[in-house]
Amino acid sequence: MTRNLTCIVCPMGCSLTVTSEDNKTFTVTGNTCPRGEVYAKNECTNPQRTVTSTVRTKEGVLVAVKTDRAIAKDKVFECMERINAARPCLPIAVGDVIMKDIFGANIVATQNVK
């Protein structure tokens, strides 16, 4: 297996090539830092994403939110469905937990709204 990726860990955007004969041992080339190698191996074995979005409060105001850690990539759409269904109340401060334990992550506010 050979897979070409663009690293998203830092602004350099290295072009990575990942090769594996057994889907257990991976060789990564093209990275300029160790983080690129870690990213490439994780992307091939257990891809994860941090979700950023907005949630509408009961008062109708949109508030920016994100997961406090990455979740499995295949759970992103279900996570978004849950975020879209939430209706927290104002006031909200940066860091407030809007929803707990959504696929192992909390949904937290990233802006202050009164």
Protein backbone atom coordinates (compact mmCIF):
# COMPACT_ATOMS: atom_id res chain seq x y z
CA MET A 1 0.00 0.00 0.00
CA THR A 2 1.22 3.48 -0.82
CA ARG A 3 -0.66 6.58 0.24
CA ASN A 4 0.11 10.25 -0.45
CA LEU A 5 -0.94 12.79 2.18
CA THR A 6 -0.47 16.46 2.90
CA CYS A 7 0.50 17.03 6.51
CA ILE A 8 -1.91 19.32 8.37
CA VAL A 9 -0.03 19.53 11.67
CA CYS A 10 1.81 22.78 10.91
CA PRO A 11 1.74 25.48 8.20
CA MET A 12 4.52 23.84 6.14
CA GLY A 13 2.07 21.34 4.57
CA CYS A 14 4.68 18.69 3.77
CA SER A 15 3.85 16.19 1.03
CA LEU A 16 4.06 12.80 2.72
CA THR A 17 4.33 9.35 1.22
CA VAL A 18 3.31 6.46 3.45
CA THR A 19 4.15 2.89 2.50
CA SER A 20 3.25 -0.35 4.21
CA GLU A 21 3.41 -3.99 3.23
CA ASP A 22 1.34 -5.34 6.14
CA ASN A 23 -0.79 -2.37 7.33
CA LYS A 24 1.03 -2.59 10.66
CA THR A 25 4.49 -1.20 9.91
CA PHE A 26 4.60 2.15 8.11
CA THR A 27 7.41 4.07 6.45
CA VAL A 28 6.88 7.80 6.06
CA THR A 29 8.92 10.05 3.77
CA GLY A 30 8.64 13.73 2.90
CA ASN A 31 8.18 15.03 6.44
CA THR A 32 10.48 17.77 7.69
CA CYS A 33 9.68 17.20 11.37
CA PRO A 34 8.77 14.21 13.57
CA ARG A 35 5.17 15.42 13.91
CA GLY A 36 4.57 14.68 10.22
CA GLU A 37 5.53 11.06 10.71
CA VAL A 38 3.18 10.70 13.69
CA TYR A 39 0.37 12.40 11.75
CA ALA A 40 0.83 10.12 8.72
CA LYS A 41 0.84 6.92 10.77
CA ASN A 42 -2.26 8.01 12.70
CA GLU A 43 -4.03 9.03 9.50
CA CYS A 44 -3.48 5.55 8.07
CA THR A 45 -4.49 3.64 11.20
CA ASN A 46 -6.93 5.78 13.20
CA PRO A 47 -7.80 9.11 11.54
CA GLN A 48 -9.13 11.73 13.95
CA ARG A 49 -10.36 15.29 13.65
CA THR A 50 -11.10 18.23 15.91
CA VAL A 51 -14.59 19.51 15.13
CA THR A 52 -15.25 23.26 15.03
CA SER A 53 -18.75 24.60 14.53
CA THR A 54 -21.44 26.84 15.99
CA VAL A 55 -24.35 26.06 18.25
CA ARG A 56 -27.59 28.05 18.42
CA THR A 57 -28.61 29.08 21.93
CA LYS A 58 -32.21 29.04 23.19
CA GLU A 59 -32.11 32.80 22.66
CA GLY A 60 -31.28 32.30 18.96
CA VAL A 61 -27.65 33.49 19.15
CA LEU A 62 -24.90 31.49 17.44
CA VAL A 63 -21.89 30.59 19.60
CA ALA A 64 -18.59 29.19 18.28
CA VAL A 65 -17.71 25.77 19.71
CA LYS A 66 -15.20 22.97 19.21
CA THR A 67 -14.34 19.55 20.55
CA ASP A 68 -11.73 19.70 23.30
CA ARG A 69 -9.88 16.79 21.68
CA ALA A 70 -9.93 15.00 18.37
CA ILE A 71 -12.59 12.37 17.71
CA ALA A 72 -12.68 9.51 15.22
CA LYS A 73 -13.09 10.88 11.71
CA ASP A 74 -16.01 8.54 11.02
CA LYS A 75 -17.95 10.12 13.93
CA VAL A 76 -17.70 13.74 12.74
CA PHE A 77 -21.11 13.86 11.04
CA GLU A 78 -22.87 12.28 14.02
CA CYS A 79 -21.08 14.75 16.30
CA MET A 80 -22.37 17.60 14.11
CA GLU A 81 -25.93 16.25 14.37
CA ARG A 82 -25.67 16.36 18.16
CA ILE A 83 -24.19 19.87 18.13
CA ASN A 84 -27.00 21.05 15.83
CA ALA A 85 -29.61 19.63 18.24
CA ALA A 86 -28.15 21.37 21.33
CA ARG A 87 -29.70 24.59 22.65
CA PRO A 88 -27.63 25.98 25.54
CA CYS A 89 -28.68 29.10 27.47
CA LEU A 90 -26.83 32.39 27.65
CA PRO A 91 -24.51 33.62 29.07
CA ILE A 92 -21.68 31.47 27.72
CA ALA A 93 -17.98 31.99 28.35
CA VAL A 94 -14.91 30.65 26.58
CA GLY A 95 -14.20 27.16 27.88
CA ASP A 96 -17.74 26.44 29.08
CA VAL A 97 -18.68 22.82 28.41
CA ILE A 98 -21.74 22.88 26.17
CA MET A 99 -22.03 19.07 25.84
CA LYS A 100 -20.18 16.31 27.69
CA ASP A 101 -18.63 13.13 26.34
CA ILE A 102 -19.47 13.20 22.66
CA PHE A 103 -17.35 10.31 21.36
CA GLY A 104 -14.85 10.93 24.15
CA ALA A 105 -14.68 14.70 23.75
CA ASN A 106 -16.49 17.63 25.30
CA ILE A 107 -17.98 20.38 23.16
CA VAL A 108 -16.65 23.67 24.55
CA ALA A 109 -17.38 27.32 23.77
CA THR A 110 -14.67 29.28 21.99
CA GLN A 111 -16.24 32.71 22.44
CA ASN A 112 -17.93 34.77 25.13
CA VAL A 113 -21.60 35.62 24.55
CA LYS A 114 -23.83 37.45 27.04
